Amino acid sequence: MTIISERLKDARNKKGLTQEQLANIISVSTSVIGDIESGRRVASKRTAARLADFFNTSADYWFDESSTNEYFEHREKYAALDNVILTLTEKRIIKDSNFSEEVWNIIKDAIKIDLKVLFLFDENSTSEYFEHRKKYVALDNVILALMEKGIIKDSNFSEEVWSIIKDAIKIDLRVLLMNSKK
């Protein structure tokens, strides 16, 4: 738990509210409250402002610099995934962009192991094949997981579609790889 998680849980309990009740009052989902309380996410500016209004605090009270930095470092790992999903949705390759939490978990699980492998690659490796291949390991598994679960309706992508998908994550993967070498 983070300082913010504890603050939110304490403040909510002092008011005698459940996560669901607080979520309804400040117009966010129950999962947002639960995720903040468990430390899985930090409050967005909007959520912090709503918490501040409700609990009569400053919005800054709902931010902790170390927690925020840790969250965004973790979040950076999934930036490429977010861009792939967004691009597939915009190009109407994915028919439903309102994924349930279960679908997001399937997608994330499909790349978690590959991201760990990606970070284990020897950063001094000179093998061109592995340098090129490691950029697309996570993408391959995201696409496969989406196809297996029937989220992507057509598995016969044209070269143009694959190009769009790859372009959507190239920059994010470069950032990911650069940060993994720091």
N, C-alpha and C. Protein backbone atom coordinates (compact mmCIF):
# COMPACT_ATOMS: atom_id res chain seq x y z
N MET A 1 0.82 -1.19 0.00
CA MET A 1 0.00 0.00 0.00
C MET A 1 0.87 1.25 0.00
N THR A 2 0.37 2.27 -0.63
CA THR A 2 1.08 3.55 -0.66
C THR A 2 0.46 4.50 0.35
N ILE A 3 1.10 5.62 0.52
CA ILE A 3 0.56 6.65 1.42
C ILE A 3 -0.84 7.06 0.96
N ILE A 4 -0.98 7.24 -0.35
CA ILE A 4 -2.27 7.67 -0.91
C ILE A 4 -3.33 6.60 -0.72
N SER A 5 -2.94 5.34 -0.91
CA SER A 5 -3.90 4.23 -0.72
C SER A 5 -4.45 4.27 0.70
N GLU A 6 -3.53 4.43 1.65
CA GLU A 6 -3.95 4.47 3.05
C GLU A 6 -4.80 5.70 3.34
N ARG A 7 -4.41 6.84 2.78
CA ARG A 7 -5.20 8.07 2.99
C ARG A 7 -6.63 7.89 2.50
N LEU A 8 -6.75 7.34 1.30
CA LEU A 8 -8.09 7.19 0.73
C LEU A 8 -8.93 6.21 1.54
N LYS A 9 -8.33 5.09 1.87
CA LYS A 9 -9.08 4.08 2.64
C LYS A 9 -9.50 4.65 4.00
N ASP A 10 -8.57 5.34 4.68
CA ASP A 10 -8.90 5.94 5.98
C ASP A 10 -10.00 6.98 5.85
N ALA A 11 -9.88 7.87 4.87
CA ALA A 11 -10.87 8.93 4.68
C ALA A 11 -12.24 8.34 4.36
N ARG A 12 -12.26 7.33 3.51
CA ARG A 12 -13.52 6.68 3.14
C ARG A 12 -14.15 6.00 4.35
N ASN A 13 -13.33 5.27 5.11
CA ASN A 13 -13.85 4.57 6.30
C ASN A 13 -14.35 5.54 7.36
N LYS A 14 -13.67 6.68 7.52
CA LYS A 14 -14.12 7.68 8.50
C LYS A 14 -15.50 8.22 8.14
N LYS A 15 -15.80 8.27 6.85
CA LYS A 15 -17.12 8.73 6.41
C LYS A 15 -18.14 7.59 6.43
N GLY A 16 -17.66 6.37 6.72
CA GLY A 16 -18.55 5.22 6.77
C GLY A 16 -19.06 4.79 5.40
N LEU A 17 -18.23 4.97 4.38
CA LEU A 17 -18.65 4.65 3.01
C LEU A 17 -17.96 3.40 2.49
N THR A 18 -18.65 2.68 1.63
CA THR A 18 -18.04 1.58 0.89
C THR A 18 -17.33 2.18 -0.32
N GLN A 19 -16.50 1.39 -0.97
CA GLN A 19 -15.86 1.85 -2.20
C GLN A 19 -16.91 2.22 -3.24
N GLU A 20 -17.94 1.41 -3.33
CA GLU A 20 -19.00 1.66 -4.31
C GLU A 20 -19.73 2.97 -4.03
N GLN A 21 -20.03 3.22 -2.77
CA GLN A 21 -20.72 4.46 -2.41
C GLN A 21 -19.87 5.69 -2.74
N LEU A 22 -18.59 5.64 -2.38
CA LEU A 22 -17.71 6.76 -2.68
C LEU A 22 -17.60 6.96 -4.19
N ALA A 23 -17.45 5.86 -4.91
CA ALA A 23 -17.35 5.94 -6.38
C ALA A 23 -18.58 6.62 -6.97
N ASN A 24 -19.75 6.25 -6.49
CA ASN A 24 -20.99 6.87 -6.99
C ASN A 24 -21.05 8.36 -6.66
N ILE A 25 -20.63 8.71 -5.46
CA ILE A 25 -20.69 10.12 -5.04
C ILE A 25 -19.78 11.00 -5.89
N ILE A 26 -18.56 10.51 -6.20
CA ILE A 26 -17.63 11.34 -6.96
C ILE A 26 -17.62 11.01 -8.46
N SER A 27 -18.56 10.17 -8.87
CA SER A 27 -18.75 9.83 -10.30
C SER A 27 -17.53 9.20 -10.97
N VAL A 28 -17.01 8.16 -10.32
CA VAL A 28 -15.98 7.32 -10.93
C VAL A 28 -16.42 5.88 -10.75
N SER A 29 -15.72 4.96 -11.39
CA SER A 29 -16.08 3.55 -11.23
C SER A 29 -15.55 3.02 -9.89
N THR A 30 -16.19 1.99 -9.41
CA THR A 30 -15.75 1.36 -8.17
C THR A 30 -14.33 0.83 -8.31
N SER A 31 -14.00 0.34 -9.51
CA SER A 31 -12.65 -0.19 -9.72
C SER A 31 -11.58 0.89 -9.59
N VAL A 32 -11.91 2.13 -9.93
CA VAL A 32 -10.94 3.23 -9.76
C VAL A 32 -10.61 3.38 -8.28
N ILE A 33 -11.63 3.41 -7.44
CA ILE A 33 -11.41 3.54 -5.99
C ILE A 33 -10.62 2.34 -5.47
N GLY A 34 -11.03 1.14 -5.87
CA GLY A 34 -10.33 -0.07 -5.44
C GLY A 34 -8.88 -0.10 -5.89
N ASP A 35 -8.64 0.31 -7.13
CA ASP A 35 -7.27 0.33 -7.65
C ASP A 35 -6.40 1.35 -6.93
N ILE A 36 -6.95 2.51 -6.61
CA ILE A 36 -6.18 3.52 -5.87
C ILE A 36 -5.88 3.00 -4.46
N GLU A 37 -6.89 2.43 -3.82
CA GLU A 37 -6.69 1.92 -2.45
C GLU A 37 -5.71 0.76 -2.40
N SER A 38 -5.63 -0.02 -3.45
CA SER A 38 -4.70 -1.16 -3.45
C SER A 38 -3.31 -0.76 -3.96
N GLY A 39 -3.19 0.47 -4.47
CA GLY A 39 -1.91 0.93 -4.98
C GLY A 39 -1.64 0.54 -6.42
N ARG A 40 -2.64 -0.03 -7.10
CA ARG A 40 -2.46 -0.44 -8.50
C ARG A 40 -2.50 0.75 -9.46
N ARG A 41 -3.03 1.88 -9.00
CA ARG A 41 -3.09 3.06 -9.85
C ARG A 41 -3.02 4.29 -8.97
N VAL A 42 -2.70 5.41 -9.60
CA VAL A 42 -2.74 6.69 -8.90
C VAL A 42 -3.97 7.45 -9.38
N ALA A 43 -4.39 8.40 -8.59
CA ALA A 43 -5.57 9.19 -8.96
C ALA A 43 -5.22 10.09 -10.14
N SER A 44 -6.13 10.16 -11.10
CA SER A 44 -5.96 11.11 -12.19
C SER A 44 -6.22 12.50 -11.63
N LYS A 45 -5.89 13.53 -12.40
CA LYS A 45 -6.16 14.90 -11.94
C LYS A 45 -7.64 15.08 -11.66
N ARG A 46 -8.46 14.53 -12.53
CA ARG A 46 -9.91 14.65 -12.37
C ARG A 46 -10.39 13.97 -11.09
N THR A 47 -9.91 12.75 -10.87
CA THR A 47 -10.30 12.01 -9.67
C THR A 47 -9.78 12.70 -8.42
N ALA A 48 -8.54 13.19 -8.47
CA ALA A 48 -7.97 13.91 -7.31
C ALA A 48 -8.80 15.15 -6.99
N ALA A 49 -9.24 15.86 -8.03
CA ALA A 49 -10.07 17.06 -7.81
C ALA A 49 -11.40 16.68 -7.17
N ARG A 50 -11.98 15.58 -7.62
CA ARG A 50 -13.25 15.13 -7.04
C ARG A 50 -13.09 14.66 -5.60
N LEU A 51 -11.99 13.95 -5.34
CA LEU A 51 -11.72 13.53 -3.96
C LEU A 51 -11.50 14.76 -3.07
N ALA A 52 -10.76 15.73 -3.59
CA ALA A 52 -10.49 16.96 -2.84
C ALA A 52 -11.78 17.68 -2.50
N ASP A 53 -12.67 17.79 -3.48
CA ASP A 53 -13.96 18.45 -3.23
C ASP A 53 -14.77 17.70 -2.16
N PHE A 54 -14.83 16.39 -2.30
CA PHE A 54 -15.65 15.61 -1.38
C PHE A 54 -15.08 15.60 0.04
N PHE A 55 -13.75 15.40 0.14
CA PHE A 55 -13.13 15.30 1.47
C PHE A 55 -12.63 16.64 2.00
N ASN A 56 -12.87 17.72 1.25
CA ASN A 56 -12.47 19.06 1.65
C ASN A 56 -10.96 19.15 1.92
N THR A 57 -10.19 18.69 0.93
CA THR A 57 -8.73 18.75 0.98
C THR A 57 -8.24 19.42 -0.29
N SER A 58 -6.93 19.55 -0.42
CA SER A 58 -6.38 20.02 -1.69
C SER A 58 -6.23 18.82 -2.61
N ALA A 59 -6.19 19.07 -3.90
CA ALA A 59 -5.98 17.97 -4.85
C ALA A 59 -4.60 17.36 -4.65
N ASP A 60 -3.61 18.18 -4.27
CA ASP A 60 -2.25 17.68 -4.04
C ASP A 60 -2.20 16.63 -2.94
N TYR A 61 -3.14 16.70 -2.01
CA TYR A 61 -3.20 15.73 -0.92
C TYR A 61 -3.34 14.30 -1.45
N TRP A 62 -3.90 14.16 -2.64
CA TRP A 62 -4.16 12.84 -3.21
C TRP A 62 -3.06 12.37 -4.15
N PHE A 63 -1.93 13.09 -4.14
CA PHE A 63 -0.77 12.68 -4.95
C PHE A 63 0.43 12.47 -4.04
N ASP A 64 1.20 11.46 -4.35
CA ASP A 64 2.46 11.18 -3.67
C ASP A 64 3.48 11.00 -4.78
N GLU A 65 4.50 11.83 -4.80
CA GLU A 65 5.43 11.84 -5.92
C GLU A 65 6.04 10.47 -6.18
N SER A 66 6.48 9.76 -5.13
CA SER A 66 7.11 8.46 -5.36
C SER A 66 6.11 7.45 -5.92
N SER A 67 4.88 7.48 -5.43
CA SER A 67 3.85 6.56 -5.95
C SER A 67 3.52 6.89 -7.39
N THR A 68 3.42 8.18 -7.69
CA THR A 68 3.10 8.60 -9.05
C THR A 68 4.20 8.17 -10.01
N ASN A 69 5.46 8.39 -9.62
CA ASN A 69 6.58 7.98 -10.48
C ASN A 69 6.60 6.48 -10.69
N GLU A 70 6.40 5.73 -9.61
CA GLU A 70 6.37 4.26 -9.70
C GLU A 70 5.24 3.80 -10.62
N TYR A 71 4.08 4.41 -10.49
CA TYR A 71 2.94 4.04 -11.33
C TYR A 71 3.26 4.28 -12.80
N PHE A 72 3.81 5.45 -13.12
CA PHE A 72 4.07 5.75 -14.52
C PHE A 72 5.21 4.92 -15.09
N GLU A 73 6.18 4.53 -14.25
CA GLU A 73 7.22 3.62 -14.72
C GLU A 73 6.59 2.28 -15.08
N HIS A 74 5.69 1.79 -14.23
CA HIS A 74 4.99 0.54 -14.50
C HIS A 74 4.09 0.69 -15.73
N ARG A 75 3.40 1.80 -15.81
CA ARG A 75 2.46 2.07 -16.91
C ARG A 75 3.17 2.13 -18.25
N GLU A 76 4.41 2.63 -18.22
CA GLU A 76 5.19 2.76 -19.44
C GLU A 76 5.34 1.41 -20.15
N LYS A 77 5.40 0.33 -19.37
CA LYS A 77 5.53 -1.00 -19.94
C LYS A 77 4.35 -1.33 -20.85
N TYR A 78 3.19 -0.75 -20.55
CA TYR A 78 1.99 -1.07 -21.31
C TYR A 78 1.60 -0.01 -22.32
N ALA A 79 2.45 1.01 -22.49
CA ALA A 79 2.14 2.08 -23.45
C ALA A 79 2.01 1.52 -24.86
N ALA A 80 2.90 0.59 -25.21
CA ALA A 80 2.83 0.00 -26.55
C ALA A 80 1.52 -0.76 -26.72
N LEU A 81 1.12 -1.49 -25.71
CA LEU A 81 -0.15 -2.23 -25.77
C LEU A 81 -1.31 -1.27 -25.97
N ASP A 82 -1.32 -0.18 -25.23
CA ASP A 82 -2.40 0.80 -25.37
C ASP A 82 -2.49 1.32 -26.80
N ASN A 83 -1.34 1.61 -27.39
CA ASN A 83 -1.34 2.13 -28.76
C ASN A 83 -1.78 1.09 -29.78
N VAL A 84 -1.41 -0.16 -29.55
CA VAL A 84 -1.87 -1.23 -30.45
C VAL A 84 -3.38 -1.33 -30.40
N ILE A 85 -3.94 -1.37 -29.20
CA ILE A 85 -5.39 -1.49 -29.04
C ILE A 85 -6.09 -0.30 -29.66
N LEU A 86 -5.58 0.90 -29.40
CA LEU A 86 -6.19 2.11 -29.95
C LEU A 86 -6.17 2.08 -31.47
N THR A 87 -5.04 1.72 -32.05
CA THR A 87 -4.93 1.67 -33.51
C THR A 87 -5.85 0.61 -34.10
N LEU A 88 -5.88 -0.57 -33.49
CA LEU A 88 -6.76 -1.64 -33.99
C LEU A 88 -8.22 -1.22 -33.90
N THR A 89 -8.57 -0.49 -32.87
CA THR A 89 -9.94 -0.02 -32.70
C THR A 89 -10.28 1.04 -33.74
N GLU A 90 -9.37 2.01 -33.91
CA GLU A 90 -9.60 3.09 -34.87
C GLU A 90 -9.76 2.56 -36.29
N LYS A 91 -8.99 1.53 -36.63
CA LYS A 91 -9.05 0.95 -37.98
C LYS A 91 -10.17 -0.08 -38.09
N ARG A 92 -10.94 -0.22 -37.04
CA ARG A 92 -12.09 -1.13 -36.97
C ARG A 92 -11.70 -2.60 -37.16
N ILE A 93 -10.48 -2.93 -36.76
CA ILE A 93 -10.05 -4.33 -36.78
C ILE A 93 -10.59 -5.01 -35.52
N ILE A 94 -10.59 -4.27 -34.43
CA ILE A 94 -11.25 -4.73 -33.21
C ILE A 94 -12.64 -4.12 -33.24
N LYS A 95 -13.65 -4.96 -33.09
CA LYS A 95 -15.03 -4.51 -33.24
C LYS A 95 -15.59 -3.86 -31.98
N ASP A 96 -15.05 -4.19 -30.81
CA ASP A 96 -15.61 -3.64 -29.58
C ASP A 96 -14.49 -3.05 -28.75
N SER A 97 -14.48 -1.73 -28.60
CA SER A 97 -13.41 -1.09 -27.84
C SER A 97 -13.72 -0.98 -26.35
N ASN A 98 -14.89 -1.40 -25.94
CA ASN A 98 -15.25 -1.36 -24.53
C ASN A 98 -14.91 -2.69 -23.87
N PHE A 99 -13.63 -2.94 -23.69
CA PHE A 99 -13.18 -4.20 -23.14
C PHE A 99 -13.53 -4.31 -21.66
N SER A 100 -13.94 -5.49 -21.27
CA SER A 100 -14.17 -5.75 -19.86
C SER A 100 -12.82 -5.89 -19.18
N GLU A 101 -12.83 -5.84 -17.86
CA GLU A 101 -11.59 -6.02 -17.09
C GLU A 101 -10.98 -7.38 -17.41
N GLU A 102 -11.83 -8.39 -17.62
CA GLU A 102 -11.35 -9.74 -17.94
C GLU A 102 -10.57 -9.74 -19.25
N VAL A 103 -11.08 -9.04 -20.26
CA VAL A 103 -10.39 -8.99 -21.55
C VAL A 103 -9.05 -8.27 -21.40
N TRP A 104 -9.04 -7.16 -20.66
CA TRP A 104 -7.76 -6.45 -20.45
C TRP A 104 -6.77 -7.36 -19.73
N ASN A 105 -7.23 -8.16 -18.77
CA ASN A 105 -6.34 -9.07 -18.07
C ASN A 105 -5.79 -10.13 -19.01
N ILE A 106 -6.61 -10.63 -19.92
CA ILE A 106 -6.13 -11.60 -20.91
C ILE A 106 -5.03 -10.97 -21.76
N ILE A 107 -5.27 -9.75 -22.22
CA ILE A 107 -4.29 -9.07 -23.05
C ILE A 107 -3.00 -8.83 -22.27
N LYS A 108 -3.12 -8.33 -21.05
CA LYS A 108 -1.93 -8.06 -20.25
C LYS A 108 -1.16 -9.34 -19.95
N ASP A 109 -1.89 -10.42 -19.61
CA ASP A 109 -1.23 -11.69 -19.33
C ASP A 109 -0.49 -12.21 -20.56
N ALA A 110 -1.02 -11.91 -21.73
CA ALA A 110 -0.38 -12.37 -22.96
C ALA A 110 1.00 -11.76 -23.16
N ILE A 111 1.24 -10.59 -22.59
CA ILE A 111 2.55 -9.97 -22.80
C ILE A 111 3.42 -9.90 -21.54
N LYS A 112 2.88 -10.20 -20.37
CA LYS A 112 3.68 -10.07 -19.15
C LYS A 112 4.97 -10.89 -19.22
N ILE A 113 4.85 -12.15 -19.58
CA ILE A 113 6.02 -13.01 -19.64
C ILE A 113 7.00 -12.50 -20.69
N ASP A 114 6.47 -12.10 -21.83
CA ASP A 114 7.34 -11.61 -22.89
C ASP A 114 8.05 -10.32 -22.49
N LEU A 115 7.40 -9.47 -21.73
CA LEU A 115 8.07 -8.25 -21.27
C LEU A 115 9.20 -8.61 -20.31
N LYS A 116 8.97 -9.61 -19.46
CA LYS A 116 10.04 -10.05 -18.56
C LYS A 116 11.21 -10.59 -19.37
N VAL A 117 10.92 -11.39 -20.39
CA VAL A 117 11.97 -11.93 -21.25
C VAL A 117 12.69 -10.79 -21.96
N LEU A 118 11.93 -9.82 -22.43
CA LEU A 118 12.49 -8.66 -23.11
C LEU A 118 13.54 -7.99 -22.24
N PHE A 119 13.24 -7.82 -20.95
CA PHE A 119 14.17 -7.15 -20.04
C PHE A 119 15.36 -8.04 -19.69
N LEU A 120 15.22 -9.35 -19.87
CA LEU A 120 16.32 -10.26 -19.57
C LEU A 120 17.32 -10.39 -20.71
N PHE A 121 16.92 -9.95 -21.92
CA PHE A 121 17.85 -10.00 -23.03
C PHE A 121 19.13 -9.27 -22.66
N ASP A 122 20.26 -9.84 -23.01
CA ASP A 122 21.54 -9.19 -22.75
C ASP A 122 21.60 -7.89 -23.54
N GLU A 123 21.73 -6.77 -22.84
CA GLU A 123 21.73 -5.49 -23.54
C GLU A 123 22.96 -5.31 -24.41
N ASN A 124 23.97 -6.15 -24.24
CA ASN A 124 25.16 -6.07 -25.09
C ASN A 124 25.08 -7.04 -26.26
N SER A 125 23.95 -7.72 -26.40
CA SER A 125 23.78 -8.69 -27.47
C SER A 125 23.96 -8.03 -28.83
N THR A 126 24.72 -8.70 -29.70
CA THR A 126 24.94 -8.15 -31.04
C THR A 126 24.16 -8.92 -32.09
N SER A 127 23.42 -9.91 -31.66
CA SER A 127 22.67 -10.71 -32.61
C SER A 127 21.56 -9.86 -33.23
N GLU A 128 21.68 -9.61 -34.53
CA GLU A 128 20.67 -8.80 -35.23
C GLU A 128 19.29 -9.44 -35.14
N TYR A 129 19.23 -10.75 -35.27
CA TYR A 129 17.94 -11.43 -35.24
C TYR A 129 17.22 -11.15 -33.93
N PHE A 130 17.92 -11.36 -32.80
CA PHE A 130 17.28 -11.16 -31.51
C PHE A 130 16.96 -9.70 -31.24
N GLU A 131 17.82 -8.80 -31.70
CA GLU A 131 17.53 -7.38 -31.52
C GLU A 131 16.24 -7.01 -32.25
N HIS A 132 16.07 -7.53 -33.47
CA HIS A 132 14.87 -7.24 -34.24
C HIS A 132 13.67 -7.99 -33.64
N ARG A 133 13.88 -9.26 -33.31
CA ARG A 133 12.78 -10.12 -32.87
C ARG A 133 12.19 -9.66 -31.54
N LYS A 134 13.02 -9.23 -30.61
CA LYS A 134 12.51 -8.89 -29.29
C LYS A 134 11.56 -7.71 -29.33
N LYS A 135 11.64 -6.90 -30.38
CA LYS A 135 10.74 -5.76 -30.51
C LYS A 135 9.30 -6.22 -30.75
N TYR A 136 9.14 -7.40 -31.33
CA TYR A 136 7.81 -7.83 -31.74
C TYR A 136 7.26 -9.02 -30.97
N VAL A 137 8.00 -9.55 -30.01
CA VAL A 137 7.52 -10.71 -29.25
C VAL A 137 6.22 -10.38 -28.54
N ALA A 138 6.18 -9.28 -27.83
CA ALA A 138 4.97 -8.90 -27.10
C ALA A 138 3.82 -8.65 -28.06
N LEU A 139 4.08 -7.97 -29.16
CA LEU A 139 3.03 -7.69 -30.15
C LEU A 139 2.43 -8.99 -30.68
N ASP A 140 3.28 -9.95 -31.03
CA ASP A 140 2.79 -11.23 -31.53
C ASP A 140 1.82 -11.88 -30.55
N ASN A 141 2.19 -11.89 -29.29
CA ASN A 141 1.33 -12.54 -28.30
C ASN A 141 0.06 -11.76 -28.01
N VAL A 142 0.12 -10.43 -28.11
CA VAL A 142 -1.10 -9.64 -27.95
C VAL A 142 -2.07 -10.00 -29.07
N ILE A 143 -1.57 -10.00 -30.30
CA ILE A 143 -2.42 -10.31 -31.45
C ILE A 143 -2.99 -11.72 -31.33
N LEU A 144 -2.15 -12.69 -30.98
CA LEU A 144 -2.62 -14.07 -30.82
C LEU A 144 -3.69 -14.18 -29.74
N ALA A 145 -3.47 -13.52 -28.61
CA ALA A 145 -4.46 -13.58 -27.52
C ALA A 145 -5.78 -12.95 -27.96
N LEU A 146 -5.70 -11.83 -28.67
CA LEU A 146 -6.92 -11.17 -29.15
C LEU A 146 -7.67 -12.05 -30.15
N MET A 147 -6.92 -12.75 -31.01
CA MET A 147 -7.56 -13.63 -32.00
C MET A 147 -8.17 -14.85 -31.32
N GLU A 148 -7.43 -15.46 -30.38
CA GLU A 148 -7.93 -16.66 -29.69
C GLU A 148 -9.22 -16.39 -28.94
N LYS A 149 -9.35 -15.22 -28.38
CA LYS A 149 -10.55 -14.88 -27.62
C LYS A 149 -11.65 -14.30 -28.50
N GLY A 150 -11.40 -14.22 -29.80
CA GLY A 150 -12.42 -13.73 -30.73
C GLY A 150 -12.63 -12.23 -30.68
N ILE A 151 -11.69 -11.51 -30.09
CA ILE A 151 -11.81 -10.05 -30.00
C ILE A 151 -11.46 -9.43 -31.35
N ILE A 152 -10.44 -9.98 -31.99
CA ILE A 152 -10.14 -9.58 -33.36
C ILE A 152 -10.91 -10.54 -34.25
N LYS A 153 -11.73 -9.99 -35.13
CA LYS A 153 -12.66 -10.81 -35.91
C LYS A 153 -12.02 -11.44 -37.15
N ASP A 154 -10.96 -10.86 -37.67
CA ASP A 154 -10.35 -11.39 -38.88
C ASP A 154 -8.87 -11.62 -38.66
N SER A 155 -8.46 -12.89 -38.68
CA SER A 155 -7.06 -13.19 -38.41
C SER A 155 -6.20 -13.13 -39.67
N ASN A 156 -6.80 -12.94 -40.82
CA ASN A 156 -6.04 -12.85 -42.06
C ASN A 156 -5.72 -11.40 -42.38
N PHE A 157 -4.77 -10.84 -41.61
CA PHE A 157 -4.42 -9.44 -41.80
C PHE A 157 -3.63 -9.25 -43.08
N SER A 158 -3.92 -8.17 -43.75
CA SER A 158 -3.12 -7.81 -44.92
C SER A 158 -1.79 -7.24 -44.43
N GLU A 159 -0.84 -7.13 -45.34
CA GLU A 159 0.45 -6.54 -45.00
C GLU A 159 0.25 -5.10 -44.50
N GLU A 160 -0.73 -4.41 -45.07
CA GLU A 160 -1.02 -3.03 -44.66
C GLU A 160 -1.46 -2.99 -43.19
N VAL A 161 -2.31 -3.93 -42.79
CA VAL A 161 -2.78 -3.97 -41.40
C VAL A 161 -1.63 -4.26 -40.46
N TRP A 162 -0.79 -5.25 -40.82
CA TRP A 162 0.37 -5.54 -39.97
C TRP A 162 1.28 -4.33 -39.88
N SER A 163 1.43 -3.62 -40.97
CA SER A 163 2.27 -2.42 -40.97
C SER A 163 1.70 -1.37 -40.01
N ILE A 164 0.39 -1.19 -40.04
CA ILE A 164 -0.26 -0.24 -39.13
C ILE A 164 -0.02 -0.64 -37.68
N ILE A 165 -0.20 -1.92 -37.39
CA ILE A 165 -0.01 -2.41 -36.03
C ILE A 165 1.43 -2.19 -35.57
N LYS A 166 2.38 -2.55 -36.41
CA LYS A 166 3.79 -2.39 -36.04
C LYS A 166 4.15 -0.92 -35.86
N ASP A 167 3.68 -0.08 -36.76
CA ASP A 167 3.97 1.35 -36.64
C ASP A 167 3.39 1.94 -35.36
N ALA A 168 2.27 1.40 -34.92
CA ALA A 168 1.62 1.92 -33.72
C ALA A 168 2.45 1.72 -32.47
N ILE A 169 3.36 0.73 -32.48
CA ILE A 169 4.13 0.48 -31.26
C ILE A 169 5.63 0.72 -31.40
N LYS A 170 6.12 1.02 -32.60
CA LYS A 170 7.57 1.17 -32.76
C LYS A 170 8.17 2.19 -31.80
N ILE A 171 7.59 3.36 -31.73
CA ILE A 171 8.14 4.41 -30.87
C ILE A 171 8.08 3.99 -29.41
N ASP A 172 6.94 3.44 -29.00
CA ASP A 172 6.80 3.02 -27.61
C ASP A 172 7.79 1.93 -27.25
N LEU A 173 8.02 1.00 -28.16
CA LEU A 173 8.98 -0.07 -27.87
C LEU A 173 10.39 0.47 -27.79
N ARG A 174 10.72 1.46 -28.63
CA ARG A 174 12.05 2.07 -28.53
C ARG A 174 12.23 2.71 -27.16
N VAL A 175 11.22 3.42 -26.71
CA VAL A 175 11.27 4.04 -25.38
C VAL A 175 11.41 2.96 -24.31
N LEU A 176 10.62 1.91 -24.44
CA LEU A 176 10.66 0.80 -23.50
C LEU A 176 12.05 0.19 -23.44
N LEU A 177 12.64 -0.06 -24.59
CA LEU A 177 13.97 -0.67 -24.64
C LEU A 177 15.03 0.28 -24.09
N MET A 178 14.94 1.56 -24.42
CA MET A 178 15.90 2.53 -23.90
C MET A 178 15.82 2.60 -22.38
N ASN A 179 14.61 2.60 -21.85
CA ASN A 179 14.43 2.69 -20.40
C ASN A 179 14.88 1.41 -19.70
N SER A 180 14.77 0.28 -20.37
CA SER A 180 15.18 -0.98 -19.74
C SER A 180 16.69 -1.07 -19.62
N LYS A 181 17.41 -0.28 -20.41
CA LYS A 181 18.87 -0.30 -20.38
C LYS A 181 19.44 0.70 -19.38
N LYS A 182 18.59 1.53 -18.79
CA LYS A 182 19.06 2.55 -17.83
C LYS A 182 19.45 1.91 -16.52
